[in-house]
Each structure stands twice: as C-alpha cells, then as structure tokens.
C-alpha atoms as a PDB file:
ATOM      1  CA  MET A   1       0.055  -0.013   0.027  1.00  0.00           C
ATOM      2  CA  GLY A   2       2.794   2.435   0.870  1.00  0.00           C
ATOM      3  CA  LEU A   3       4.585   1.499  -2.327  1.00  0.00           C
ATOM      4  CA  ILE A   4       1.539   2.322  -4.368  1.00  0.00           C
ATOM      5  CA  THR A   5       1.112   5.604  -2.667  1.00  0.00           C
ATOM      6  CA  SER A   6       4.715   6.471  -3.243  1.00  0.00           C
ATOM      7  CA  LYS A   7       4.505   5.671  -6.987  1.00  0.00           C
ATOM      8  CA  TYR A   8       1.337   7.709  -7.254  1.00  0.00           C
ATOM      9  CA  PHE A   9       2.920  10.697  -5.648  1.00  0.00           C
ATOM     10  CA  ARG A  10       6.058  10.537  -7.819  1.00  0.00           C
ATOM     11  CA  LYS A  11       3.877  10.322 -10.907  1.00  0.00           C
ATOM     12  CA  ASN A  12       1.705  13.352  -9.993  1.00  0.00           C
ATOM     13  CA  VAL A  13       4.468  15.593  -8.530  1.00  0.00           C
ATOM     14  CA  PRO A  14       4.251  18.136 -11.461  1.00  0.00           C
ATOM     15  CA  VAL A  15       0.524  18.382 -10.899  1.00  0.00           C
ATOM     16  CA  PHE A  16       1.009  19.024  -7.186  1.00  0.00           C
ATOM     17  CA  LEU A  17       3.731  21.640  -7.900  1.00  0.00           C
ATOM     18  CA  GLU A  18       1.500  23.326 -10.440  1.00  0.00           C
ATOM     19  CA  ALA A  19      -1.333  23.468  -8.021  1.00  0.00           C
ATOM     20  CA  ILE A  20       0.849  24.965  -5.276  1.00  0.00           C
ATOM     21  CA  PHE A  21       2.219  27.594  -7.695  1.00  0.00           C
ATOM     22  CA  TYR A  22      -1.269  28.483  -8.746  1.00  0.00           C
ATOM     23  CA  LEU A  23      -2.460  28.984  -5.153  1.00  0.00           C
ATOM     24  CA  LYS A  24       0.688  31.111  -4.420  1.00  0.00           C
ATOM     25  CA  LEU A  25       0.116  33.179  -7.450  1.00  0.00           C
ATOM     26  CA  LYS A  26      -3.467  33.712  -6.579  1.00  0.00           C
ATOM     27  CA  HIS A  27      -2.508  34.814  -3.035  1.00  0.00           C
ATOM     28  CA  VAL A  28       0.005  37.332  -4.504  1.00  0.00           C
ATOM     29  CA  LYS A  29      -2.588  38.707  -6.882  1.00  0.00           C
ATOM     30  CA  ASN A  30      -5.114  39.148  -3.962  1.00  0.00           C
ATOM     31  CA  THR A  31      -2.431  40.976  -1.906  1.00  0.00           C
ATOM     32  CA  VAL A  32      -1.671  43.300  -4.801  1.00  0.00           C
ATOM     33  CA  CYS A  33      -5.283  44.081  -5.263  1.00  0.00           C
ATOM     34  CA  ASP A  34      -5.744  44.782  -1.600  1.00  0.00           C
ATOM     35  CA  LEU A  35      -2.715  47.117  -1.755  1.00  0.00           C
ATOM     36  CA  LYS A  36      -4.128  48.917  -4.693  1.00  0.00           C
ATOM     37  CA  LEU A  37      -7.440  49.372  -2.866  1.00  0.00           C
ATOM     38  CA  GLN A  38      -5.791  50.675   0.267  1.00  0.00           C
ATOM     39  CA  LEU A  39      -3.627  53.040  -1.682  1.00  0.00           C
ATOM     40  CA  TRP A  40      -6.817  54.304  -3.532  1.00  0.00           C
ATOM     41  CA  GLN A  41      -8.619  54.912  -0.252  1.00  0.00           C
ATOM     42  CA  LEU A  42      -5.619  56.704   1.127  1.00  0.00           C
ATOM     43  CA  GLU A  43      -5.425  58.831  -1.987  1.00  0.00           C
ATOM     44  CA  THR A  44      -9.082  59.587  -1.899  1.00  0.00           C
ATOM     45  CA  LEU A  45      -8.722  60.837   1.786  1.00  0.00           C
ATOM     46  CA  LEU A  46      -5.843  63.054   0.959  1.00  0.00           C
ATOM     47  CA  LEU A  47      -7.247  64.468  -2.151  1.00  0.00           C
ATOM     48  CA  GLN A  48     -10.855  64.685  -0.679  1.00  0.00           C
ATOM     49  CA  LYS A  49     -12.337  63.588  -3.901  1.00  0.00           C
ATOM     50  CA  ASP A  50     -16.072  63.559  -4.176  1.00  0.00           C
ATOM     51  CA  THR A  51     -16.264  61.900  -7.570  1.00  0.00           C
ATOM     52  CA  TYR A  52     -16.144  58.265  -8.480  1.00  0.00           C
ATOM     53  CA  VAL A  53     -12.684  56.814  -9.194  1.00  0.00           C
ATOM     54  CA  ASN A  54     -12.001  53.770 -11.411  1.00  0.00           C
ATOM     55  CA  TYR A  55     -10.734  50.805  -9.285  1.00  0.00           C
ATOM     56  CA  SER A  56      -8.680  49.682 -12.213  1.00  0.00           C
ATOM     57  CA  GLN A  57      -6.602  52.738 -12.179  1.00  0.00           C
ATOM     58  CA  ALA A  58      -2.947  52.025 -12.657  1.00  0.00           C
ATOM     59  CA  LEU A  59      -0.953  51.656  -9.484  1.00  0.00           C
ATOM     60  CA  SER A  60       1.646  54.032 -10.874  1.00  0.00           C
ATOM     61  CA  TYR A  61      -0.857  56.884 -11.176  1.00  0.00           C
ATOM     62  CA  THR A  62      -1.991  56.394  -7.597  1.00  0.00           C
ATOM     63  CA  SER A  63       1.398  56.366  -6.287  1.00  0.00           C
ATOM     64  CA  GLN A  64       2.465  59.409  -8.291  1.00  0.00           C
ATOM     65  CA  ALA A  65      -0.585  61.434  -6.892  1.00  0.00           C
ATOM     66  CA  LEU A  66       0.076  60.228  -3.417  1.00  0.00           C
ATOM     67  CA  SER A  67       3.670  61.346  -3.654  1.00  0.00           C
ATOM     68  CA  GLN A  68       2.818  64.712  -4.981  1.00  0.00           C
ATOM     69  CA  ASN A  69       0.355  65.270  -2.029  1.00  0.00           C
ATOM     70  CA  LEU A  70       2.790  64.139   0.576  1.00  0.00           C
ATOM     71  CA  ALA A  71       5.522  66.387  -0.922  1.00  0.00           C
ATOM     72  CA  GLY A  72       3.121  69.281  -0.713  1.00  0.00           C
ATOM     73  CA  LEU A  73       2.689  68.528   2.993  1.00  0.00           C
ATOM     74  CA  ARG A  74       6.452  68.477   3.545  1.00  0.00           C
ATOM     75  CA  HIS A  75       7.198  71.780   1.882  1.00  0.00           C
ATOM     76  CA  LYS A  76       4.687  73.959   3.788  1.00  0.00           C
ATOM     77  CA  SER A  77       5.774  77.555   4.263  1.00  0.00           C
ATOM     78  CA  PRO A  78       6.565  78.697   7.906  1.00  0.00           C
ATOM     79  CA  ILE A  79       3.457  80.873   7.810  1.00  0.00           C
ATOM     80  CA  ARG A  80       1.173  78.007   6.834  1.00  0.00           C
ATOM     81  CA  LYS A  81       2.714  75.767   9.465  1.00  0.00           C
ATOM     82  CA  MET A  82       2.195  78.365  12.139  1.00  0.00           C
ATOM     83  CA  SER A  83      -1.349  78.892  11.024  1.00  0.00           C
ATOM     84  CA  SER A  84      -2.056  75.210  11.061  1.00  0.00           C
ATOM     85  CA  LYS A  85      -0.684  74.813  14.554  1.00  0.00           C
ATOM     86  CA  LEU A  86      -2.719  77.946  15.716  1.00  0.00           C
ATOM     87  CA  SER A  87      -5.861  76.476  14.180  1.00  0.00           C
ATOM     88  CA  TYR A  88      -5.265  73.085  15.918  1.00  0.00           C
ATOM     89  CA  TYR A  89      -4.603  74.800  19.154  1.00  0.00           C
ATOM     90  CA  LEU A  90      -7.674  77.016  19.067  1.00  0.00           C
ATOM     91  CA  GLU A  91      -9.804  73.924  18.085  1.00  0.00           C
ATOM     92  CA  ASP A  92      -8.467  72.139  21.198  1.00  0.00           C
ATOM     93  CA  ASN A  93      -8.484  74.871  23.727  1.00  0.00           C
ATOM     94  CA  TRP A  94     -11.188  77.285  22.710  1.00  0.00           C
ATOM     95  CA  LYS A  95     -13.175  76.573  25.897  1.00  0.00           C
ATOM     96  CA  ARG A  96     -10.203  77.356  28.121  1.00  0.00           C
ATOM     97  CA  LEU A  97      -9.408  80.436  26.192  1.00  0.00           C
ATOM     98  CA  TRP A  98     -12.765  82.219  26.285  1.00  0.00           C
ATOM     99  CA  VAL A  99     -13.214  81.486  29.923  1.00  0.00           C
ATOM    100  CA  LEU A 100      -9.738  82.823  30.747  1.00  0.00           C
ATOM    101  CA  ALA A 101     -10.274  85.922  28.567  1.00  0.00           C
ATOM    102  CA  LEU A 102     -13.591  86.634  30.170  1.00  0.00           C
ATOM    103  CA  TRP A 103     -12.036  86.084  33.697  1.00  0.00           C
ATOM    104  CA  ILE A 104      -9.028  88.482  32.898  1.00  0.00           C
ATOM    105  CA  GLY A 105     -11.411  91.051  31.316  1.00  0.00           C
ATOM    106  CA  ILE A 106     -13.494  91.162  34.471  1.00  0.00           C
ATOM    107  CA  MET A 107     -10.446  91.551  36.718  1.00  0.00           C
ATOM    108  CA  ALA A 108      -9.084  94.274  34.457  1.00  0.00           C
ATOM    109  CA  GLY A 109     -12.353  96.164  34.591  1.00  0.00           C
ATOM    110  CA  LEU A 110     -12.584  95.942  38.315  1.00  0.00           C
ATOM    111  CA  PHE A 111      -9.004  97.039  38.797  1.00  0.00           C
ATOM    112  CA  ILE A 112      -9.360 100.131  36.387  1.00  0.00           C
ATOM    113  CA  TRP A 113     -12.647 101.105  37.881  1.00  0.00           C
ATOM    114  CA  LYS A 114     -11.330 101.241  41.492  1.00  0.00           C
ATOM    115  CA  PHE A 115      -8.109 102.677  40.295  1.00  0.00           C
ATOM    116  CA  ILE A 116      -9.987 105.682  38.597  1.00  0.00           C
ATOM    117  CA  GLN A 117     -12.330 105.954  41.604  1.00  0.00           C
ATOM    118  CA  TYR A 118      -9.380 106.572  44.025  1.00  0.00           C
ATOM    119  CA  ARG A 119      -7.332 108.569  41.541  1.00  0.00           C
ATOM    120  CA  ASN A 120     -10.209 111.233  41.740  1.00  0.00           C
ATOM    121  CA  ARG A 121     -10.293 111.338  45.509  1.00  0.00           C
ATOM    122  CA  TYR A 122      -8.365 113.796  47.737  1.00  0.00           C
ATOM    123  CA  VAL A 123      -6.449 110.913  49.351  1.00  0.00           C
ATOM    124  CA  PHE A 124      -4.554 110.462  46.093  1.00  0.00           C
ATOM    125  CA  ASN A 125      -2.754 113.727  46.815  1.00  0.00           C
ATOM    126  CA  VAL A 126      -1.357 112.145  50.017  1.00  0.00           C
ATOM    127  CA  MET A 127      -0.810 108.496  49.219  1.00  0.00           C
ATOM    128  CA  GLY A 128      -0.372 108.743  45.459  1.00  0.00           C
ATOM    129  CA  TYR A 129      -0.495 105.771  43.018  1.00  0.00           C
ATOM    130  CA  CYS A 130       0.391 103.350  45.797  1.00  0.00           C
ATOM    131  CA  LEU A 131      -3.085 103.605  47.096  1.00  0.00           C
ATOM    132  CA  THR A 132      -4.917 103.382  43.722  1.00  0.00           C
ATOM    133  CA  ILE A 133      -2.829 100.140  42.859  1.00  0.00           C
ATOM    134  CA  ALA A 134      -3.560  98.687  46.233  1.00  0.00           C
ATOM    135  CA  LYS A 135      -7.240  99.458  45.985  1.00  0.00           C
ATOM    136  CA  GLY A 136      -7.430  98.064  42.394  1.00  0.00           C
ATOM    137  CA  ALA A 137      -5.656  94.841  43.579  1.00  0.00           C
ATOM    138  CA  ALA A 138      -8.049  94.531  46.370  1.00  0.00           C
ATOM    139  CA  GLU A 139     -11.020  94.595  44.005  1.00  0.00           C
ATOM    140  CA  THR A 140      -9.540  91.670  42.106  1.00  0.00           C
ATOM    141  CA  LEU A 141      -8.932  89.869  45.381  1.00  0.00           C
ATOM    142  CA  LYS A 142     -12.727  90.178  46.219  1.00  0.00           C
ATOM    143  CA  LEU A 143     -13.559  88.504  42.929  1.00  0.00           C
ATOM    144  CA  ASN A 144     -10.976  85.680  43.201  1.00  0.00           C
ATOM    145  CA  MET A 145     -11.698  84.869  46.847  1.00  0.00           C
ATOM    146  CA  ALA A 146     -15.351  84.465  45.855  1.00  0.00           C
ATOM    147  CA  LEU A 147     -14.429  82.292  42.889  1.00  0.00           C
ATOM    148  CA  ILE A 148     -11.657  80.027  44.125  1.00  0.00           C
ATOM    149  CA  LEU A 149     -13.939  77.498  45.816  1.00  0.00           C
ATOM    150  CA  LEU A 150     -16.154  76.941  42.883  1.00  0.00           C
ATOM    151  CA  PRO A 151     -13.641  74.695  40.926  1.00  0.00           C
ATOM    152  CA  VAL A 152     -13.267  72.375  43.874  1.00  0.00           C
ATOM    153  CA  CYS A 153     -17.060  72.105  44.707  1.00  0.00           C
ATOM    154  CA  ARG A 154     -17.249  68.413  43.531  1.00  0.00           C
ATOM    155  CA  ASN A 155     -21.023  67.979  43.673  1.00  0.00           C
ATOM    156  CA  THR A 156     -21.493  71.152  41.835  1.00  0.00           C
ATOM    157  CA  ILE A 157     -19.034  70.434  39.109  1.00  0.00           C
ATOM    158  CA  THR A 158     -20.302  66.832  38.701  1.00  0.00           C
ATOM    159  CA  TRP A 159     -23.774  68.240  38.179  1.00  0.00           C
ATOM    160  CA  LEU A 160     -22.666  70.925  35.711  1.00  0.00           C
ATOM    161  CA  ARG A 161     -20.821  68.271  33.648  1.00  0.00           C
ATOM    162  CA  ASN A 162     -24.235  66.724  32.781  1.00  0.00           C
ATOM    163  CA  THR A 163     -25.720  70.007  31.659  1.00  0.00           C
ATOM    164  CA  ARG A 164     -25.685  71.846  28.397  1.00  0.00           C
ATOM    165  CA  ALA A 165     -23.117  74.192  29.979  1.00  0.00           C
ATOM    166  CA  ALA A 166     -20.430  71.476  29.473  1.00  0.00           C
ATOM    167  CA  ARG A 167     -20.568  72.196  25.636  1.00  0.00           C
ATOM    168  CA  ALA A 168     -19.066  75.641  26.284  1.00  0.00           C
ATOM    169  CA  LEU A 169     -17.291  75.453  29.621  1.00  0.00           C
ATOM    170  CA  PRO A 170     -14.199  73.277  30.399  1.00  0.00           C
ATOM    171  CA  PHE A 171     -15.491  71.686  33.649  1.00  0.00           C
ATOM    172  CA  ASP A 172     -12.743  68.953  33.321  1.00  0.00           C
ATOM    173  CA  ASP A 173     -10.137  71.563  33.914  1.00  0.00           C
ATOM    174  CA  ASN A 174     -11.518  72.650  37.202  1.00  0.00           C
ATOM    175  CA  ILE A 175      -8.373  71.978  39.144  1.00  0.00           C
ATOM    176  CA  ASN A 176      -6.170  73.897  36.664  1.00  0.00           C
ATOM    177  CA  PHE A 177      -8.547  76.870  37.023  1.00  0.00           C
ATOM    178  CA  HIS A 178      -8.419  76.596  40.828  1.00  0.00           C
ATOM    179  CA  LYS A 179      -4.596  76.874  40.550  1.00  0.00           C
ATOM    180  CA  THR A 180      -4.844  79.727  38.183  1.00  0.00           C
ATOM    181  CA  ILE A 181      -7.023  81.708  40.456  1.00  0.00           C
ATOM    182  CA  ALA A 182      -4.644  80.967  43.366  1.00  0.00           C
ATOM    183  CA  ALA A 183      -1.819  82.463  41.290  1.00  0.00           C
ATOM    184  CA  ALA A 184      -3.902  85.530  40.675  1.00  0.00           C
ATOM    185  CA  ILE A 185      -4.558  85.822  44.390  1.00  0.00           C
ATOM    186  CA  VAL A 186      -0.854  85.678  45.071  1.00  0.00           C
ATOM    187  CA  VAL A 187      -0.301  88.557  42.664  1.00  0.00           C
ATOM    188  CA  GLY A 188      -3.076  90.465  44.200  1.00  0.00           C
ATOM    189  CA  VAL A 189      -1.859  90.030  47.652  1.00  0.00           C
ATOM    190  CA  ILE A 190       1.582  91.220  46.737  1.00  0.00           C
ATOM    191  CA  LEU A 191       0.243  94.319  45.066  1.00  0.00           C
ATOM    192  CA  HIS A 192      -2.265  95.047  47.820  1.00  0.00           C
ATOM    193  CA  ALA A 193      -0.323  94.336  51.033  1.00  0.00           C
ATOM    194  CA  GLY A 194       2.945  95.407  49.517  1.00  0.00           C
ATOM    195  CA  ASN A 195       1.707  98.827  48.460  1.00  0.00           C
ATOM    196  CA  HIS A 196       0.046  99.397  51.912  1.00  0.00           C
ATOM    197  CA  LEU A 197       3.020  98.298  53.988  1.00  0.00           C
ATOM    198  CA  ALA A 198       5.871  99.660  51.714  1.00  0.00           C
ATOM    199  CA  CYS A 199       4.455 102.740  50.151  1.00  0.00           C
ATOM    200  CA  ASP A 200       1.106 104.491  51.091  1.00  0.00           C
ATOM    201  CA  PHE A 201       1.524 103.958  54.924  1.00  0.00           C
ATOM    202  CA  PRO A 202       4.973 105.753  54.973  1.00  0.00           C
ATOM    203  CA  ARG A 203       3.511 108.468  52.675  1.00  0.00           C
ATOM    204  CA  LEU A 204       0.623 108.989  55.092  1.00  0.00           C
ATOM    205  CA  ILE A 205       2.841 109.148  58.086  1.00  0.00           C
ATOM    206  CA  ASP A 206       5.313 111.522  56.455  1.00  0.00           C
ATOM    207  CA  SER A 207       2.649 113.841  55.056  1.00  0.00           C
ATOM    208  CA  SER A 208       2.399 117.349  56.462  1.00  0.00           C
ATOM    209  CA  ASP A 209      -0.278 118.362  58.964  1.00  0.00           C
ATOM    210  CA  GLU A 210      -2.032 120.437  56.362  1.00  0.00           C
ATOM    211  CA  LYS A 211      -2.317 117.529  53.922  1.00  0.00           C
ATOM    212  CA  TYR A 212      -3.302 115.022  56.646  1.00  0.00           C
ATOM    213  CA  ALA A 213      -6.030 117.197  58.163  1.00  0.00           C
ATOM    214  CA  PRO A 214      -8.761 116.217  55.580  1.00  0.00           C
ATOM    215  CA  LEU A 215      -8.033 112.528  56.290  1.00  0.00           C
ATOM    216  CA  GLY A 216      -8.574 112.823  60.071  1.00  0.00           C
ATOM    217  CA  LYS A 217     -12.098 111.531  59.794  1.00  0.00           C
ATOM    218  CA  TYR A 218     -10.748 108.252  58.446  1.00  0.00           C
ATOM    219  CA  PHE A 219      -7.524 107.747  60.483  1.00  0.00           C
ATOM    220  CA  GLY A 220      -8.182 109.967  63.695  1.00  0.00           C
ATOM    221  CA  GLU A 221      -7.406 113.547  64.443  1.00  0.00           C
ATOM    222  CA  THR A 222      -3.948 112.583  65.448  1.00  0.00           C
ATOM    223  CA  LYS A 223      -1.716 111.285  62.659  1.00  0.00           C
ATOM    224  CA  PRO A 224      -1.136 107.497  63.380  1.00  0.00           C
ATOM    225  CA  THR A 225       2.269 105.818  63.547  1.00  0.00           C
ATOM    226  CA  TYR A 226       3.251 103.023  61.352  1.00  0.00           C
ATOM    227  CA  LEU A 227       2.952 100.507  64.243  1.00  0.00           C
ATOM    228  CA  ALA A 228      -0.451 101.753  65.047  1.00  0.00           C
ATOM    229  CA  LEU A 229      -1.659 101.218  61.442  1.00  0.00           C
ATOM    230  CA  VAL A 230      -0.318  97.609  61.454  1.00  0.00           C
ATOM    231  CA  ARG A 231      -1.644  96.810  64.832  1.00  0.00           C
ATOM    232  CA  GLY A 232      -5.125  97.958  63.989  1.00  0.00           C
ATOM    233  CA  VAL A 233      -7.993  95.492  63.073  1.00  0.00           C
ATOM    234  CA  GLU A 234      -7.249  95.988  59.398  1.00  0.00           C
ATOM    235  CA  GLY A 235      -3.506  95.357  59.881  1.00  0.00           C
ATOM    236  CA  VAL A 236      -3.930  92.294  62.151  1.00  0.00           C
ATOM    237  CA  THR A 237      -6.539  90.514  59.930  1.00  0.00           C
ATOM    238  CA  GLY A 238      -4.467  91.282  56.968  1.00  0.00           C
ATOM    239  CA  VAL A 239      -1.362  89.724  58.329  1.00  0.00           C
ATOM    240  CA  ILE A 240      -3.341  86.699  59.531  1.00  0.00           C
ATOM    241  CA  MET A 241      -4.702  86.111  55.992  1.00  0.00           C
ATOM    242  CA  VAL A 242      -1.152  86.460  54.448  1.00  0.00           C
ATOM    243  CA  VAL A 243       0.392  83.957  56.924  1.00  0.00           C
ATOM    244  CA  CYS A 244      -2.436  81.353  56.452  1.00  0.00           C
ATOM    245  CA  MET A 245      -2.244  81.851  52.575  1.00  0.00           C
ATOM    246  CA  LEU A 246       1.484  81.421  52.633  1.00  0.00           C
ATOM    247  CA  ILE A 247       1.358  78.149  54.557  1.00  0.00           C
ATOM    248  CA  ALA A 248      -1.441  76.740  52.357  1.00  0.00           C
ATOM    249  CA  PHE A 249       0.242  77.789  49.078  1.00  0.00           C
ATOM    250  CA  THR A 250       3.600  76.481  50.139  1.00  0.00           C
ATOM    251  CA  LEU A 251       2.292  73.018  51.311  1.00  0.00           C
ATOM    252  CA  ALA A 252       0.169  72.748  48.058  1.00  0.00           C
ATOM    253  CA  THR A 253       3.325  72.939  45.835  1.00  0.00           C
ATOM    254  CA  ARG A 254       4.404  69.807  44.053  1.00  0.00           C
ATOM    255  CA  TRP A 255       7.629  69.596  46.133  1.00  0.00           C
ATOM    256  CA  PHE A 256       5.756  69.422  49.480  1.00  0.00           C
ATOM    257  CA  ARG A 257       2.559  67.656  48.277  1.00  0.00           C
ATOM    258  CA  ARG A 258       4.462  64.678  46.837  1.00  0.00           C
ATOM    259  CA  SER A 259       7.174  64.624  49.549  1.00  0.00           C
ATOM    260  CA  LEU A 260       9.972  65.502  47.095  1.00  0.00           C
ATOM    261  CA  VAL A 261      11.371  67.631  49.958  1.00  0.00           C
ATOM    262  CA  LYS A 262      13.065  65.576  52.587  1.00  0.00           C
ATOM    263  CA  LEU A 263      12.959  67.381  55.983  1.00  0.00           C
ATOM    264  CA  PRO A 264      14.444  66.194  59.301  1.00  0.00           C
ATOM    265  CA  LYS A 265      12.096  64.926  61.921  1.00  0.00           C
ATOM    266  CA  PRO A 266       9.707  66.296  63.209  1.00  0.00           C
ATOM    267  CA  PHE A 267       9.394  68.660  60.186  1.00  0.00           C
ATOM    268  CA  ASP A 268       8.827  65.763  57.863  1.00  0.00           C
ATOM    269  CA  LYS A 269       5.154  65.935  58.869  1.00  0.00           C
ATOM    270  CA  LEU A 270       4.945  69.118  56.786  1.00  0.00           C
ATOM    271  CA  THR A 271       5.329  67.091  53.529  1.00  0.00           C
ATOM    272  CA  GLY A 272       2.894  64.647  51.962  1.00  0.00           C
ATOM    273  CA  PHE A 273      -0.831  64.858  51.004  1.00  0.00           C
ATOM    274  CA  ASN A 274      -2.031  65.026  54.598  1.00  0.00           C
ATOM    275  CA  ALA A 275      -0.174  68.244  55.223  1.00  0.00           C
ATOM    276  CA  PHE A 276      -1.567  69.589  51.854  1.00  0.00           C
ATOM    277  CA  TRP A 277      -5.047  68.638  52.832  1.00  0.00           C
ATOM    278  CA  TYR A 278      -5.179  69.915  56.479  1.00  0.00           C
ATOM    279  CA  SER A 279      -3.400  73.206  55.582  1.00  0.00           C
ATOM    280  CA  HIS A 280      -5.994  73.953  52.992  1.00  0.00           C
ATOM    281  CA  HIS A 281      -8.600  73.931  55.833  1.00  0.00           C
ATOM    282  CA  LEU A 282      -6.820  77.190  56.901  1.00  0.00           C
ATOM    283  CA  PHE A 283      -9.261  78.879  54.347  1.00  0.00           C
ATOM    284  CA  ILE A 284     -11.894  78.967  57.177  1.00  0.00           C
ATOM    285  CA  ILE A 285      -9.574  81.364  59.184  1.00  0.00           C
ATOM    286  CA  VAL A 286      -8.899  83.250  55.981  1.00  0.00           C
ATOM    287  CA  TYR A 287     -12.467  83.850  55.141  1.00  0.00           C
ATOM    288  CA  ILE A 288     -13.420  84.936  58.643  1.00  0.00           C
ATOM    289  CA  SER A 289     -10.419  87.324  58.643  1.00  0.00           C
ATOM    290  CA  LEU A 290     -11.482  88.541  55.290  1.00  0.00           C
ATOM    291  CA  VAL A 291     -14.971  89.415  56.379  1.00  0.00           C
ATOM    292  CA  ILE A 292     -13.627  91.415  59.305  1.00  0.00           C
ATOM    293  CA  HIS A 293     -10.955  93.004  57.242  1.00  0.00           C
ATOM    294  CA  GLY A 294     -13.573  94.133  54.677  1.00  0.00           C
ATOM    295  CA  GLU A 295     -15.848  95.563  57.270  1.00  0.00           C
ATOM    296  CA  ARG A 296     -13.116  97.738  58.789  1.00  0.00           C
ATOM    297  CA  LEU A 297     -11.761  99.309  55.573  1.00  0.00           C
ATOM    298  CA  TYR A 298      -9.866 102.426  55.606  1.00  0.00           C
ATOM    299  CA  LEU A 299     -11.292 105.415  53.681  1.00  0.00           C
ATOM    300  CA  ILE A 300     -14.872 103.947  53.493  1.00  0.00           C
ATOM    301  CA  LEU A 301     -17.377 105.023  56.171  1.00  0.00           C
ATOM    302  CA  ASP A 302     -20.760 103.976  54.478  1.00  0.00           C
ATOM    303  CA  TRP A 303     -21.507 100.291  55.320  1.00  0.00           C
ATOM    304  CA  TYR A 304     -23.266  99.646  52.011  1.00  0.00           C
ATOM    305  CA  LYS A 305     -20.043 100.340  50.174  1.00  0.00           C
ATOM    306  CA  ARG A 306     -18.245  97.525  51.927  1.00  0.00           C
ATOM    307  CA  THR A 307     -19.000  94.738  49.462  1.00  0.00           C
ATOM    308  CA  VAL A 308     -16.790  91.994  50.742  1.00  0.00           C
ATOM    309  CA  SER A 309     -19.292  90.222  52.905  1.00  0.00           C
ATOM    310  CA  LEU A 310     -21.943  90.587  50.209  1.00  0.00           C
ATOM    311  CA  ASN A 311     -19.807  89.032  47.584  1.00  0.00           C
ATOM    312  CA  LEU A 312     -18.854  86.101  49.678  1.00  0.00           C
ATOM    313  CA  PHE A 313     -22.513  85.556  50.810  1.00  0.00           C
ATOM    314  CA  PHE A 314     -23.668  85.389  47.168  1.00  0.00           C
ATOM    315  CA  SER A 315     -20.771  83.069  46.096  1.00  0.00           C
ATOM    316  CA  PHE A 316     -21.269  80.557  49.032  1.00  0.00           C
ATOM    317  CA  THR A 317     -24.996  80.555  48.396  1.00  0.00           C
ATOM    318  CA  LEU A 318     -24.426  79.839  44.732  1.00  0.00           C
ATOM    319  CA  PHE A 319     -21.794  77.158  45.276  1.00  0.00           C
ATOM    320  CA  THR A 320     -23.825  75.261  47.864  1.00  0.00           C
END
C-alpha cells in the first residue's frame, strides 16, 4: 500500500507543484489588489475627492498622486505651518481660552474702575498711586476669593458636567482653573499688601499736617504711627490672611505635596498629602479674617459700600 502511494505521488508531482504555484500566485494577486485598494482609499482621503474613481486605475498613477500630495505637505511655508498649529490649538483649547479671557477682562475692569475711583479722590494727593494700585488689587482679590472655591466644589462640578453648559465650559479643567485663580490671588496680595506696607502707609505718616487734616475722619485727628496702622484690626486681619495663605500655598506645591522635599524629623510631617489637605482648611480662618478686614476698611465710612461680605455671601449661596 505504501509503495502504491509513493508511486502515485512521484507520478503526480508536477500536478502538485502546479497546484501549489497556482495557489501562491493567486494569493499574491489578491495581496496586490488589496494594496491597490488601500492606496486608492488613502489617496481619496488626501485629495478629498467627491467623484467616483475607477478601481482599475494604474498603481503608478495612484502612487504618483500620493507622492505629490505628501511632498506638498512636507514643503509647507513657515506661515502655513504656524497657522495650522494655531488652528489646531484653538480647536483644542477654545473653551479654556474664552473663559480665561472673560475672567481676565473682568479683573481688568474691576482694577481700572477702582483705580480711577481713588485717583479722583483727595487721598490720592497724599498717598499717590500706591493707594490706587492697592485698592485696584483689592477689588480683584474680592472676585478671586469668591471664585476660588467653585472649581473644587465636587458635587456642583459633577452636576454641571451633565448639563448643556459643558458644551461651552471646560469643567474637566476645574483643578487647573483653581490653581490659576490661586496664582492671581498671590499677585493680588503682593500688590495690595506690598503697596500698603511699603508705600502708602509711609507716605501718610510723612505727610504734612495740612495735607493730613482732611483725612482725620478716616484715621483719627492725630496722625497715626506705622505701628498703630499695622496693629489695627485691618492690619492684624491682613497679616493673619497672608500667613495662612503662605502656609497653604507652600504646602500645596508639588515638592511638598508629593514629599519631594526631605525634611528632618519632626518637620517631615509638613510634607505629603495630609499636610496639603489639612493646611487647605486654613481657608476657614482666611475667610473669617477677610470678612472682618472688609468691614473695617480704611477710607470707607458707609457700610453699604463695603461689598466683601456681600460678595462672599452670594458666592457661598451659589456654590452650595
């Protein structure tokens, strides 16, 4: 039986070889056809053709058209490359950009409004631009202290993500916006506290009795000393807020939050997530001090013009 099978195999070897060759050739033809079809599809996408194309088009023509299009992409001018990158960037970040533009615009408007307001008051003749800058920065601080808690209100943000507002607002960037507002608060504190402590307080103390006389209703009939200004309710609450913010902002940085800074014991407790978390609860002290600070403002006697408490009340009511 094995002998018969062997003779039959030797007799029909050419037939087997021909069959194998035919199958291989057919497989190669199918592969070439698939390659032609894929190249045609790629060419259609690049050329954005809306008309019908003959599937039997020569492969050389397709390759030539494809090469021409790829060459055109490689040799873009710097202006076209820049415009393409800009268009892609705007497409990806338009939500962030318009929110930031609106926020910066509101801050700029508040700063300019308060700056002009104090520029036209008599106190400008004594304290100068130090006071106008400090008051303008204070107005931006009112806004940002009312906004900074919104991005970290989890329930509110989760609810807003499921509304139509998510089509125009980047709620997924809430933490980045929280950090951006915190950076603006740092700048505002530097401008506000720095101008008060280093500029307009010394100018007030060094002013002549004639210039100081119209300001007696705000600071007292007797010209105050520098220490008296700092030890007042306004000064003490301001210092408390600055210290608490300094602690919270420092422990919230990447180096402390991720324990990248190695401190000796027992100061190693100041690093890590727990230190970051508990230090952020200092905002309770900050907001209490802010309300007191806002109710004892210099140069404002009418209670209804002290808007700090009102701003915080509306913001807390909205967020909760």
